[in-house]
Amino acid sequence: MWKTSSRWNAAERHVQAAFHRGTEVDLSGTSHPVRASVLAELLAGPVDRGTAPRAALRLRSAEIVGRLDLRHVEVTAPVEISASTFTDVPDLTEARVVNLLLTDCTLPGLRARLLELRGDLALVRCEVAGSVDLCDARVGGTVTLDGSHIVNPIEATGKPAAAPPEPGTALEPGTALAAARMTVTGNLHARKGFTAEGQVWLGGTTIGGSVDLDGARMRHTGGAALSADRLVVAGNLTARYGFVADGGVLLIHAQIGSQLNFNNSDLRGTKSFALHLGGARVGSLWMTFATRPTGGVRLSGLHADSIFDNPQTWPSELELIGCTYRLLLARGPADPHQPSPPAPVTVRQRLDWLRRSPEGYTPQPYEQLAEQYRRGGQDVEARRVLLERQRRRRATLRLPGRLLGYLVDGLVGYGYRAWLAGIWLVAFWALGTVSFLLEPSVPRNPAEAPARNATLQALDLLLPIVNLGHDNAWKPSGWTEYVAALLVVVGWVLTTAVVAGLTRTLNR
C-alpha cells in the first residue's frame, strides 16, 4: 500500500486515495487548496500496477497552489484536470506523459517544451493569462485547443502583458501559443471559440493529420497573428466560417497535402500583408474570403494544383510572381457549410487581377494565366492575356522601344491580332489603287506591257513575294513614285509581322 504524508491536508489525502483508484475527485465542497508539490509527488512517484492498476489523476474544482514542477519526469498515469485554478505556471519541460487533459481550467501559462506525449494533449475551454509553450513537443495523438482563450498580447508600451518567463524559456514578446517544431501524429484542433491574444507560432511544425482553425480568432498587433513558416500538414488546413486573423497570416514555404481553405474568413493584416504564402505548396487554395483582406496577399512562388477565389473579395494588392497552378476558378459567396457556386469572370477582370501586383510588371503571371486559358481551350482569352503582357512590357522600355512597340501593336497587335494586318493591307491597297488611277503609270516597254490595271499594280507592289507582272511593266510617275515605295515597305513589314504571328501560334 502507499503511504500518506502527515503534512497533507484532508483534500490532498482525498486526492491521493482517488489517484490510486483512478477515480475522479471533486473538491468543489472543500475550502482546502491542493499544493502542486503534492500532485508532482504523486505523478513522479512509482506506480505499482499490481495494487493500483487504474492509477490516474482525475481532479475537478481544485485550487492548485504553487508550481506544478514535472520537469524531466516520466508520468505513467493519465492526467485529467477540469474546472480548476492554477496559481503558478505548470512546468512539464522535457517530461514524458501518457496523456494530458485540461478542461475549463484557469492558469497563468503552460511550459511544456520538449514534452513527449504518447496520447492526446487537450487544453479545452481554458483561460490562460500567459503563453503556452509547446516548442519541440512530440504528441502521439491529437492536440485539441477548442474553446480556449490564451491571452499574452503586447501592451501599448511594447511590453508583454504577462510576467516575463524564467531564464532559458524566453519567447518572442507577445507570443500566446508557441508550438514551433512540434510534431503531432494526429490532428491539431483550435476551433469552437478558440481565441489567441498574441502570436500563434507554428514554425517548422509537422502535423500528421489536419489542422482545423474554423471559427478561431487570433490577434497580434505586433506582426503576424499566425506565423507558420515551414509548417507541414499531411491533410487539410482549414480556417473557415468566422475565422478572424487580426494581424498577418504567415505560411512561407508551408506544405499542405490537401486543402488550404480560407472560405468565409476575415483577414485583417498589417500594412505589409494579410496573407503570405511565398514558396508554399498546397493541393488546393481557397481564397473565398468573407470580406476583402486588409493588406496585401503574397502568392509569390506558390505551387498549387488549383486556386479558387471570389472576385468580390480580391485583395487590393496581390503578388503572383512565380505562382503556378493548373486550375484557376472563381466561386461566389455561399452560406456556411454550403457549396460555393461558380462565379463568372471575364478576361478583362482577370487582367485587372494581374495588375494588382505591388512589384509592377513581370511576365510570368501573364504567361501562367494564358497557359491556364489555353489548357481550358480558351485560345482567344489566352491571346488577349499575352497581348496585355506585351503592352505592360512596353511601358517599361525607353522611348525608342516604346515607339516601336506602339507601331507593332497598331499594325498587328504584337502578332496576337494578325487580322489587323489584313485591314492595313486593304487600306494601303485602296490607297495605291486610287493613286495610280489619278496619276497613271508609264509603261517600261510599251510593246510588252499588259493592259493598265491600277488595282493589280498596287497589289503587286504590296505582295513582296508574289509577281503579278505589273510591278516591272509599269513605272510610277510623279508623286506616285513615293506611294509605290511606301507600298513596298508596308508590304514587307506587314507580311513579316503576319508570318511571325502565325509562327508563334503554330509553336503554341
Protein backbone atom coordinates (compact mmCIF):
# COMPACT_ATOMS: atom_id res chain seq x y z
CA MET A 1 0.00 0.00 0.00
CA TRP A 2 1.00 3.61 -0.44
CA LYS A 3 1.98 5.91 2.38
CA THR A 4 0.35 9.23 3.18
CA SER A 5 2.37 12.17 4.47
CA SER A 6 1.18 13.62 7.74
CA ARG A 7 1.79 17.06 6.28
CA TRP A 8 -1.02 16.59 3.73
CA ASN A 9 -4.39 18.16 4.38
CA ALA A 10 -7.71 16.36 4.04
CA ALA A 11 -8.21 17.40 0.43
CA GLU A 12 -4.75 16.18 -0.54
CA ARG A 13 -5.30 12.84 1.18
CA HIS A 14 -8.58 12.53 -0.71
CA VAL A 15 -6.74 13.23 -3.97
CA GLN A 16 -4.14 10.57 -3.16
CA ALA A 17 -6.75 7.92 -2.48
CA ALA A 18 -8.63 8.74 -5.68
CA PHE A 19 -5.37 8.77 -7.67
CA HIS A 20 -4.57 5.15 -6.84
CA ARG A 21 -8.12 4.07 -7.62
CA GLY A 22 -8.15 6.08 -10.87
CA THR A 23 -11.41 7.80 -9.92
CA GLU A 24 -12.29 11.48 -10.19
CA VAL A 25 -12.21 13.59 -7.07
CA ASP A 26 -14.38 16.71 -6.92
CA LEU A 27 -13.17 19.32 -4.43
CA SER A 28 -15.92 21.86 -5.04
CA GLY A 29 -17.23 21.40 -1.50
CA THR A 30 -13.94 21.95 0.31
CA SER A 31 -12.03 25.12 1.17
CA HIS A 32 -8.64 23.43 1.26
CA PRO A 33 -6.30 24.09 -1.69
CA VAL A 34 -4.13 21.39 -3.18
CA ARG A 35 -0.43 22.01 -3.24
CA ALA A 36 1.19 21.49 -6.64
CA SER A 37 4.11 19.76 -4.92
CA VAL A 38 1.73 17.05 -3.66
CA LEU A 39 0.44 16.43 -7.20
CA ALA A 40 4.01 16.35 -8.51
CA GLU A 41 4.96 13.82 -5.85
CA LEU A 42 2.05 11.58 -6.85
CA LEU A 43 2.74 11.84 -10.57
CA ALA A 44 6.52 11.50 -10.33
CA GLY A 45 6.47 8.60 -7.90
CA PRO A 46 6.42 4.95 -8.95
CA VAL A 47 3.02 3.41 -9.57
CA ASP A 48 2.50 -0.20 -8.52
CA ARG A 49 0.20 -1.51 -11.20
CA GLY A 50 -0.35 -4.62 -9.12
CA THR A 51 -2.06 -2.70 -6.31
CA ALA A 52 -3.22 0.30 -8.39
CA PRO A 53 -3.83 -0.92 -11.93
CA ARG A 54 -6.01 2.06 -12.83
CA ALA A 55 -3.98 4.84 -11.26
CA ALA A 56 -4.77 8.23 -12.78
CA LEU A 57 -5.03 11.84 -11.66
CA ARG A 58 -8.61 12.95 -12.26
CA LEU A 59 -9.21 16.17 -10.41
CA ARG A 60 -12.12 18.64 -10.52
CA SER A 61 -12.78 22.04 -8.96
CA ALA A 62 -9.46 22.35 -7.19
CA GLU A 63 -7.30 25.32 -6.34
CA ILE A 64 -3.75 24.23 -7.12
CA VAL A 65 -1.23 26.44 -5.38
CA GLY A 66 2.45 26.62 -6.18
CA ARG A 67 4.19 25.45 -9.30
CA LEU A 68 3.43 22.00 -10.68
CA ASP A 69 7.02 21.03 -11.47
CA LEU A 70 7.27 17.93 -13.63
CA ARG A 71 10.44 18.82 -15.50
CA HIS A 72 12.32 15.78 -16.83
CA VAL A 73 9.79 13.49 -15.10
CA GLU A 74 8.17 10.38 -16.58
CA VAL A 75 4.48 10.32 -15.72
CA THR A 76 2.93 6.91 -16.27
CA ALA A 77 -0.59 7.81 -15.11
CA PRO A 78 -3.12 9.75 -17.20
CA VAL A 79 -3.72 13.36 -16.11
CA GLU A 80 -7.21 14.89 -16.36
CA ILE A 81 -7.86 18.16 -14.53
CA SER A 82 -11.07 20.14 -15.00
CA ALA A 83 -12.66 23.33 -13.63
CA SER A 84 -9.55 24.04 -11.58
CA THR A 85 -7.30 27.03 -10.97
CA PHE A 86 -3.50 27.09 -11.07
CA THR A 87 -1.78 29.89 -9.19
CA ASP A 88 1.56 29.27 -10.95
CA VAL A 89 2.62 28.17 -14.42
CA PRO A 90 2.78 24.36 -14.66
CA ASP A 91 6.16 23.23 -15.99
CA LEU A 92 6.37 19.99 -17.98
CA THR A 93 9.62 20.74 -19.79
CA GLU A 94 11.09 17.51 -21.20
CA ALA A 95 8.51 15.44 -19.33
CA ARG A 96 7.19 12.13 -20.63
CA VAL A 97 3.45 11.81 -20.16
CA VAL A 98 0.75 9.31 -21.14
CA ASN A 99 -1.82 12.00 -21.89
CA LEU A 100 -2.74 15.45 -20.58
CA LEU A 101 -6.27 16.84 -20.50
CA LEU A 102 -7.07 20.26 -19.01
CA THR A 103 -10.71 21.32 -19.29
CA ASP A 104 -12.33 24.58 -18.10
CA CYS A 105 -9.19 25.48 -16.15
CA THR A 106 -7.64 28.84 -15.34
CA LEU A 107 -3.87 29.10 -15.39
CA PRO A 108 -1.18 31.78 -15.89
CA GLY A 109 0.55 29.87 -18.68
CA LEU A 110 1.98 26.47 -19.54
CA ARG A 111 5.58 25.43 -20.15
CA ALA A 112 5.95 22.15 -21.96
CA ARG A 113 8.97 22.39 -24.23
CA LEU A 114 10.25 19.03 -25.45
CA LEU A 115 7.23 17.38 -23.87
CA GLU A 116 6.73 13.82 -25.05
CA LEU A 117 3.12 12.58 -25.04
CA ARG A 118 2.15 9.07 -26.02
CA GLY A 119 -1.51 10.04 -26.27
CA ASP A 120 -3.52 13.24 -26.62
CA LEU A 121 -2.93 16.78 -25.42
CA ALA A 122 -6.06 18.81 -24.70
CA LEU A 123 -6.48 22.35 -23.44
CA VAL A 124 -10.24 22.75 -23.78
CA ARG A 125 -12.20 25.88 -22.76
CA CYS A 126 -9.32 27.06 -20.60
CA GLU A 127 -8.44 30.63 -19.65
CA VAL A 128 -4.69 31.17 -19.96
CA ALA A 129 -3.27 34.53 -18.89
CA GLY A 130 0.16 34.00 -20.39
CA SER A 131 1.92 31.96 -23.05
CA VAL A 132 1.53 28.27 -23.83
CA ASP A 133 4.95 26.91 -24.79
CA LEU A 134 4.89 23.61 -26.69
CA CYS A 135 8.03 24.13 -28.75
CA ASP A 136 9.68 20.87 -29.88
CA ALA A 137 6.98 18.78 -28.20
CA ARG A 138 6.07 15.36 -29.61
CA VAL A 139 2.45 14.23 -29.40
CA GLY A 140 1.45 10.74 -30.38
CA GLY A 141 -2.25 11.58 -30.61
CA THR A 142 -4.23 14.77 -31.23
CA VAL A 143 -3.77 18.31 -29.90
CA THR A 144 -7.08 19.97 -29.01
CA LEU A 145 -7.34 23.65 -28.01
CA ASP A 146 -11.05 24.11 -28.67
CA GLY A 147 -12.73 27.00 -26.89
CA SER A 148 -9.62 28.11 -25.00
CA HIS A 149 -8.60 31.76 -24.54
CA ILE A 150 -4.86 32.40 -24.47
CA VAL A 151 -4.00 36.00 -23.66
CA ASN A 152 -0.43 37.24 -23.87
CA PRO A 153 -0.54 40.41 -26.01
CA ILE A 154 1.92 43.27 -26.32
CA GLU A 155 0.64 46.29 -24.45
CA ALA A 156 0.72 49.80 -25.85
CA THR A 157 4.06 50.25 -24.13
CA GLY A 158 5.51 47.46 -26.27
CA LYS A 159 5.94 45.12 -23.29
CA PRO A 160 4.24 41.73 -22.81
CA ALA A 161 1.10 41.95 -20.70
CA ALA A 162 2.02 38.87 -18.67
CA ALA A 163 5.01 38.43 -16.38
CA PRO A 164 8.25 37.60 -18.20
CA PRO A 165 9.21 33.91 -18.40
CA GLU A 166 12.07 32.39 -16.46
CA PRO A 167 15.59 32.44 -17.96
CA GLY A 168 16.07 29.83 -20.66
CA THR A 169 12.37 29.77 -21.61
CA ALA A 170 12.10 33.21 -23.22
CA LEU A 171 9.71 33.59 -26.14
CA GLU A 172 9.21 36.48 -28.50
CA PRO A 173 7.22 39.15 -26.63
CA GLY A 174 3.51 38.86 -27.31
CA THR A 175 3.51 35.13 -28.14
CA ALA A 176 0.31 33.43 -26.99
CA LEU A 177 0.89 29.92 -28.35
CA ALA A 178 4.39 28.74 -29.21
CA ALA A 179 4.41 25.33 -30.87
CA ALA A 180 7.39 25.68 -33.19
CA ARG A 181 8.91 22.40 -34.41
CA MET A 182 6.19 20.44 -32.64
CA THR A 183 5.42 17.00 -34.08
CA VAL A 184 1.83 15.72 -33.90
CA THR A 185 0.86 12.30 -35.18
CA GLY A 186 -2.85 13.14 -35.30
CA ASN A 187 -4.74 16.39 -35.81
CA LEU A 188 -4.48 19.89 -34.39
CA HIS A 189 -7.81 21.48 -33.43
CA ALA A 190 -8.16 25.11 -32.35
CA ARG A 191 -11.80 25.93 -33.08
CA LYS A 192 -15.20 26.44 -31.39
CA GLY A 193 -14.34 29.82 -29.91
CA PHE A 194 -10.58 29.45 -29.63
CA THR A 195 -9.03 32.89 -29.10
CA ALA A 196 -5.39 33.93 -29.04
CA GLU A 197 -4.44 37.45 -27.94
CA GLY A 198 -0.85 37.36 -29.12
CA GLN A 199 1.03 35.48 -31.82
CA VAL A 200 0.36 31.83 -32.64
CA TRP A 201 3.73 30.39 -33.68
CA LEU A 202 3.81 27.09 -35.59
CA GLY A 203 7.09 27.49 -37.45
CA GLY A 204 8.53 24.15 -38.56
CA THR A 205 5.67 22.17 -37.00
CA THR A 206 4.68 18.82 -38.53
CA ILE A 207 1.07 17.60 -38.35
CA GLY A 208 0.34 14.04 -39.46
CA GLY A 209 -3.38 14.72 -39.87
CA SER A 210 -5.20 18.01 -40.43
CA VAL A 211 -5.29 21.47 -38.84
CA ASP A 212 -8.76 22.85 -38.04
CA LEU A 213 -8.95 26.56 -37.16
CA ASP A 214 -12.60 27.07 -38.14
CA GLY A 215 -14.13 29.93 -36.17
CA ALA A 216 -10.90 30.76 -34.32
CA ARG A 217 -9.89 34.36 -33.61
CA MET A 218 -6.26 35.43 -33.49
CA ARG A 219 -4.95 38.89 -32.76
CA HIS A 220 -1.39 40.20 -32.71
CA THR A 221 -0.84 43.90 -33.20
CA GLY A 222 2.93 43.48 -33.36
CA GLY A 223 3.00 41.45 -36.59
CA ALA A 224 1.76 38.06 -37.76
CA ALA A 225 -1.23 36.68 -35.85
CA LEU A 226 -0.43 33.21 -37.23
CA SER A 227 3.23 32.59 -38.00
CA ALA A 228 3.70 29.13 -39.51
CA ASP A 229 6.62 29.18 -41.91
CA ARG A 230 7.75 25.68 -43.00
CA LEU A 231 4.61 24.16 -41.49
CA VAL A 232 3.95 20.64 -42.83
CA VAL A 233 0.38 19.31 -42.79
CA ALA A 234 -0.40 15.95 -44.34
CA GLY A 235 -4.12 16.69 -44.68
CA ASN A 236 -6.11 19.93 -44.75
CA LEU A 237 -5.56 23.29 -43.10
CA THR A 238 -8.93 24.97 -42.75
CA ALA A 239 -9.51 28.46 -41.37
CA ARG A 240 -13.15 28.99 -42.33
CA TYR A 241 -16.57 30.12 -41.13
CA GLY A 242 -15.77 33.10 -38.95
CA PHE A 243 -12.02 32.66 -38.68
CA VAL A 244 -10.52 36.08 -37.94
CA ALA A 245 -6.84 36.98 -38.05
CA ASP A 246 -6.20 40.50 -36.77
CA GLY A 247 -2.62 40.52 -37.97
CA GLY A 248 -0.89 38.73 -40.83
CA VAL A 249 -1.13 35.03 -41.65
CA LEU A 250 2.37 33.80 -42.47
CA LEU A 251 2.71 30.43 -44.22
CA ILE A 252 6.00 30.84 -46.07
CA HIS A 253 7.28 27.54 -47.52
CA ALA A 254 4.45 25.65 -45.84
CA GLN A 255 3.42 22.28 -47.29
CA ILE A 256 -0.27 21.41 -47.17
CA GLY A 257 -1.11 17.99 -48.57
CA SER A 258 -4.71 18.77 -49.48
CA GLN A 259 -6.80 21.94 -48.98
CA LEU A 260 -5.69 25.28 -47.62
CA ASN A 261 -9.12 26.79 -47.09
CA PHE A 262 -9.97 30.37 -46.05
CA ASN A 263 -13.64 30.20 -47.02
CA ASN A 264 -15.70 32.91 -45.26
CA SER A 265 -12.70 34.09 -43.25
CA ASP A 266 -11.73 37.63 -42.30
CA LEU A 267 -8.05 38.57 -42.67
CA ARG A 268 -7.14 41.91 -41.16
CA GLY A 269 -3.47 42.07 -41.87
CA THR A 270 -0.71 44.52 -41.24
CA LYS A 271 0.33 47.23 -43.69
CA SER A 272 2.72 44.79 -45.37
CA PHE A 273 0.48 41.75 -45.83
CA ALA A 274 -2.67 39.91 -44.75
CA LEU A 275 -1.67 36.51 -46.15
CA HIS A 276 1.82 35.39 -47.14
CA LEU A 277 2.16 32.05 -48.98
CA GLY A 278 5.55 32.62 -50.57
CA GLY A 279 7.10 29.33 -51.70
CA ALA A 280 4.27 27.25 -50.24
CA ARG A 281 2.97 24.01 -51.79
CA VAL A 282 -0.71 23.17 -51.46
CA GLY A 283 -3.15 20.83 -53.11
CA SER A 284 -5.89 23.45 -53.50
CA LEU A 285 -6.12 27.01 -52.22
CA TRP A 286 -9.49 28.56 -51.36
CA MET A 287 -9.30 32.36 -51.18
CA THR A 288 -13.07 32.85 -50.96
CA PHE A 289 -12.82 35.35 -48.12
CA ALA A 290 -15.86 36.81 -46.37
CA THR A 291 -14.52 40.35 -46.90
CA ARG A 292 -11.67 41.93 -48.81
CA PRO A 293 -8.44 41.33 -46.84
CA THR A 294 -6.87 44.33 -45.16
CA GLY A 295 -3.34 44.31 -46.52
CA GLY A 296 -1.77 42.51 -49.44
CA VAL A 297 -1.82 38.82 -50.36
CA ARG A 298 1.50 37.31 -51.44
CA LEU A 299 1.44 34.15 -53.55
CA SER A 300 4.97 34.51 -54.90
CA GLY A 301 6.49 31.09 -55.56
CA LEU A 302 3.29 29.27 -54.57
CA HIS A 303 2.69 25.88 -56.23
CA ALA A 304 -0.97 24.83 -56.21
CA ASP A 305 -2.93 22.31 -58.22
CA SER A 306 -5.97 24.60 -58.13
CA ILE A 307 -6.88 28.06 -56.83
CA PHE A 308 -10.43 29.14 -56.02
CA ASP A 309 -11.17 32.82 -55.40
CA ASN A 310 -14.07 35.22 -55.05
CA PRO A 311 -13.95 38.27 -57.38
CA GLN A 312 -15.90 40.29 -54.81
CA THR A 313 -13.13 39.92 -52.22
CA TRP A 314 -9.98 40.11 -54.33
CA PRO A 315 -7.23 41.84 -52.33
CA SER A 316 -6.17 45.33 -53.37
CA GLU A 317 -2.55 44.09 -53.60
CA LEU A 318 -1.77 40.64 -54.98
CA GLU A 319 1.74 39.38 -55.67
CA LEU A 320 1.83 36.47 -58.14
CA ILE A 321 5.49 36.32 -59.20
CA GLY A 322 6.41 32.65 -59.62
CA CYS A 323 2.93 31.43 -58.65
CA THR A 324 1.96 28.31 -60.64
CA TYR A 325 -1.36 26.49 -60.81
CA ARG A 326 -3.28 24.14 -63.09
CA LEU A 327 -6.79 25.44 -62.47
CA LEU A 328 -7.99 28.94 -61.60
CA LEU A 329 -11.69 29.03 -60.76
CA ALA A 330 -13.91 31.78 -59.37
CA ARG A 331 -16.50 31.00 -56.74
CA GLY A 332 -19.28 33.20 -55.42
CA PRO A 333 -20.28 33.69 -51.78
CA ALA A 334 -22.30 30.97 -50.05
CA ASP A 335 -23.77 30.24 -46.65
CA PRO A 336 -21.56 28.33 -44.21
CA HIS A 337 -21.24 24.63 -44.96
CA GLN A 338 -22.88 25.14 -48.38
CA PRO A 339 -21.02 24.64 -51.69
CA SER A 340 -19.80 27.85 -53.32
CA PRO A 341 -21.41 28.43 -56.76
CA PRO A 342 -19.28 29.27 -59.82
CA ALA A 343 -18.85 32.99 -60.48
CA PRO A 344 -18.39 34.43 -64.00
CA VAL A 345 -15.08 36.25 -64.51
CA THR A 346 -14.14 37.92 -67.78
CA VAL A 347 -10.60 38.06 -69.14
CA ARG A 348 -10.70 41.82 -68.56
CA GLN A 349 -11.35 41.20 -64.86
CA ARG A 350 -8.52 38.68 -64.69
CA LEU A 351 -6.16 41.21 -66.27
CA ASP A 352 -7.12 43.67 -63.55
CA TRP A 353 -6.39 40.85 -61.07
CA LEU A 354 -2.86 40.59 -62.50
CA ARG A 355 -2.31 44.35 -62.38
CA ARG A 356 -2.69 44.37 -58.58
CA SER A 357 0.96 43.39 -58.08
CA PRO A 358 2.86 45.96 -55.99
CA GLU A 359 6.06 44.87 -57.76
CA GLY A 360 4.89 46.21 -61.13
CA TYR A 361 5.21 44.30 -64.39
CA THR A 362 6.65 40.79 -64.52
CA PRO A 363 5.94 38.43 -67.44
CA GLN A 364 5.46 35.12 -65.59
CA PRO A 365 1.99 35.79 -64.10
CA TYR A 366 0.68 36.66 -67.59
CA GLU A 367 2.20 33.54 -69.13
CA GLN A 368 0.76 31.41 -66.32
CA LEU A 369 -2.74 32.84 -66.80
CA ALA A 370 -2.51 32.42 -70.58
CA GLU A 371 -1.46 28.80 -70.11
CA GLN A 372 -4.46 28.26 -67.86
CA TYR A 373 -6.77 29.63 -70.56
CA ARG A 374 -5.15 27.52 -73.27
CA ARG A 375 -5.47 24.41 -71.12
CA GLY A 376 -9.19 25.11 -70.96
CA GLY A 377 -9.46 25.62 -74.73
CA GLN A 378 -9.93 29.41 -74.44
CA ASP A 379 -7.41 30.48 -77.07
CA VAL A 380 -8.96 33.92 -77.63
CA GLU A 381 -8.62 34.77 -73.93
CA ALA A 382 -5.06 33.42 -73.90
CA ARG A 383 -4.06 35.70 -76.78
CA ARG A 384 -5.68 38.64 -75.04
CA VAL A 385 -3.58 38.00 -71.93
CA LEU A 386 -0.35 37.67 -73.92
CA LEU A 387 -1.13 40.89 -75.81
CA GLU A 388 -1.60 42.67 -72.49
CA ARG A 389 1.74 41.25 -71.35
CA GLN A 390 3.47 42.93 -74.31
CA ARG A 391 1.70 46.21 -73.63
CA ARG A 392 2.73 46.17 -69.96
CA ARG A 393 6.30 45.37 -71.02
CA ARG A 394 6.26 48.28 -73.46
CA ALA A 395 5.66 50.69 -70.60
CA THR A 396 9.00 49.64 -69.07
CA LEU A 397 11.05 50.39 -72.23
CA ARG A 398 12.84 53.56 -73.24
CA LEU A 399 11.29 55.96 -75.74
CA PRO A 400 12.59 54.29 -78.97
CA GLY A 401 11.42 50.89 -77.77
CA ARG A 402 8.03 52.26 -76.77
CA LEU A 403 7.56 53.95 -80.16
CA LEU A 404 8.42 50.73 -81.98
CA GLY A 405 6.08 48.87 -79.67
CA TYR A 406 3.21 51.21 -80.46
CA LEU A 407 3.88 50.67 -84.18
CA VAL A 408 3.89 46.86 -83.93
CA ASP A 409 0.85 46.92 -81.65
CA GLY A 410 -1.09 49.13 -84.02
CA LEU A 411 -0.16 47.12 -87.11
CA VAL A 412 -0.59 43.51 -85.90
CA GLY A 413 -1.17 43.59 -82.14
CA TYR A 414 2.28 42.11 -81.46
CA GLY A 415 1.31 39.16 -83.65
CA TYR A 416 -1.67 38.22 -81.49
CA ARG A 417 -4.04 40.18 -83.76
CA ALA A 418 -2.77 39.18 -87.18
CA TRP A 419 -6.12 40.14 -88.69
CA LEU A 420 -5.12 43.79 -88.21
CA ALA A 421 -2.51 43.28 -90.94
CA GLY A 422 -5.28 42.34 -93.35
CA ILE A 423 -7.11 45.58 -92.61
CA TRP A 424 -3.94 47.62 -93.13
CA LEU A 425 -3.19 45.75 -96.38
CA VAL A 426 -6.65 46.52 -97.74
CA ALA A 427 -6.28 50.18 -96.72
CA PHE A 428 -2.90 50.59 -98.46
CA TRP A 429 -4.15 48.61 -101.46
CA ALA A 430 -7.00 51.11 -101.81
CA LEU A 431 -4.52 53.99 -101.42
CA GLY A 432 -2.32 52.60 -104.21
CA THR A 433 -5.26 51.93 -106.48
CA VAL A 434 -6.62 55.47 -106.17
CA SER A 435 -3.13 56.93 -106.57
CA PHE A 436 -2.42 55.05 -109.81
CA LEU A 437 -5.84 55.97 -111.16
CA LEU A 438 -5.24 59.66 -110.50
CA GLU A 439 -1.67 59.58 -111.81
CA PRO A 440 -1.36 56.74 -114.37
CA SER A 441 2.00 54.98 -114.58
CA VAL A 442 4.22 54.93 -117.68
CA PRO A 443 4.89 51.58 -119.44
CA ARG A 444 8.53 50.48 -119.29
CA ASN A 445 8.20 48.57 -122.58
CA PRO A 446 5.04 49.54 -124.47
CA ALA A 447 5.28 46.50 -126.70
CA GLU A 448 5.23 44.03 -123.81
CA ALA A 449 3.28 45.89 -121.14
CA PRO A 450 -0.08 44.37 -120.14
CA ALA A 451 -3.23 46.42 -120.06
CA ARG A 452 -3.11 49.18 -117.47
CA ASN A 453 -4.75 47.99 -114.20
CA ALA A 454 -4.22 50.23 -111.17
CA THR A 455 -5.68 47.63 -108.77
CA LEU A 456 -3.30 44.84 -109.82
CA GLN A 457 -0.34 47.23 -109.91
CA ALA A 458 -0.96 48.30 -106.28
CA LEU A 459 -1.42 44.68 -105.19
CA ASP A 460 1.78 43.62 -106.97
CA LEU A 461 3.74 46.26 -105.06
CA LEU A 462 2.23 45.22 -101.69
CA LEU A 463 2.98 41.49 -102.06
CA PRO A 464 6.77 41.15 -101.73
CA ILE A 465 6.98 37.56 -102.99
CA VAL A 466 4.15 37.16 -105.48
CA ASN A 467 4.77 38.61 -109.01
CA LEU A 468 1.62 39.58 -110.91
CA GLY A 469 3.51 41.08 -113.84
CA HIS A 470 2.50 44.71 -113.26
CA ASP A 471 5.25 45.96 -110.96
CA ASN A 472 8.01 45.53 -113.54
CA ALA A 473 5.83 46.52 -116.51
CA TRP A 474 4.68 49.93 -115.27
CA LYS A 475 6.79 52.77 -113.88
CA PRO A 476 5.09 55.18 -111.46
CA SER A 477 5.45 58.82 -112.34
CA GLY A 478 5.42 62.00 -110.31
CA TRP A 479 4.26 61.75 -106.70
CA THR A 480 3.09 58.16 -107.17
CA GLU A 481 6.74 57.08 -107.00
CA TYR A 482 6.61 57.81 -103.27
CA VAL A 483 3.33 55.91 -102.98
CA ALA A 484 4.92 52.92 -104.71
CA ALA A 485 7.91 52.99 -102.33
CA LEU A 486 5.55 53.19 -99.36
CA LEU A 487 3.58 50.17 -100.63
CA VAL A 488 6.76 48.10 -100.95
CA VAL A 489 7.93 48.96 -97.41
CA VAL A 490 4.47 48.41 -95.88
CA GLY A 491 4.12 45.12 -97.74
CA TRP A 492 7.38 43.76 -96.29
CA VAL A 493 6.59 44.97 -92.75
CA LEU A 494 3.06 43.59 -92.67
CA THR A 495 3.99 40.30 -94.30
CA THR A 496 6.85 39.77 -91.83
CA ALA A 497 4.57 40.54 -88.89
CA VAL A 498 1.89 38.16 -90.13
CA VAL A 499 4.43 35.35 -90.62
CA ALA A 500 5.83 35.96 -87.12
CA GLY A 501 2.35 35.86 -85.62
CA LEU A 502 1.42 32.66 -87.44
CA THR A 503 4.69 31.05 -86.40
CA ARG A 504 4.05 31.94 -82.75
CA THR A 505 0.55 30.50 -82.97
CA LEU A 506 1.72 27.24 -84.56
CA ASN A 507 4.52 26.86 -82.00
CA ARG A 508 1.96 27.10 -79.17
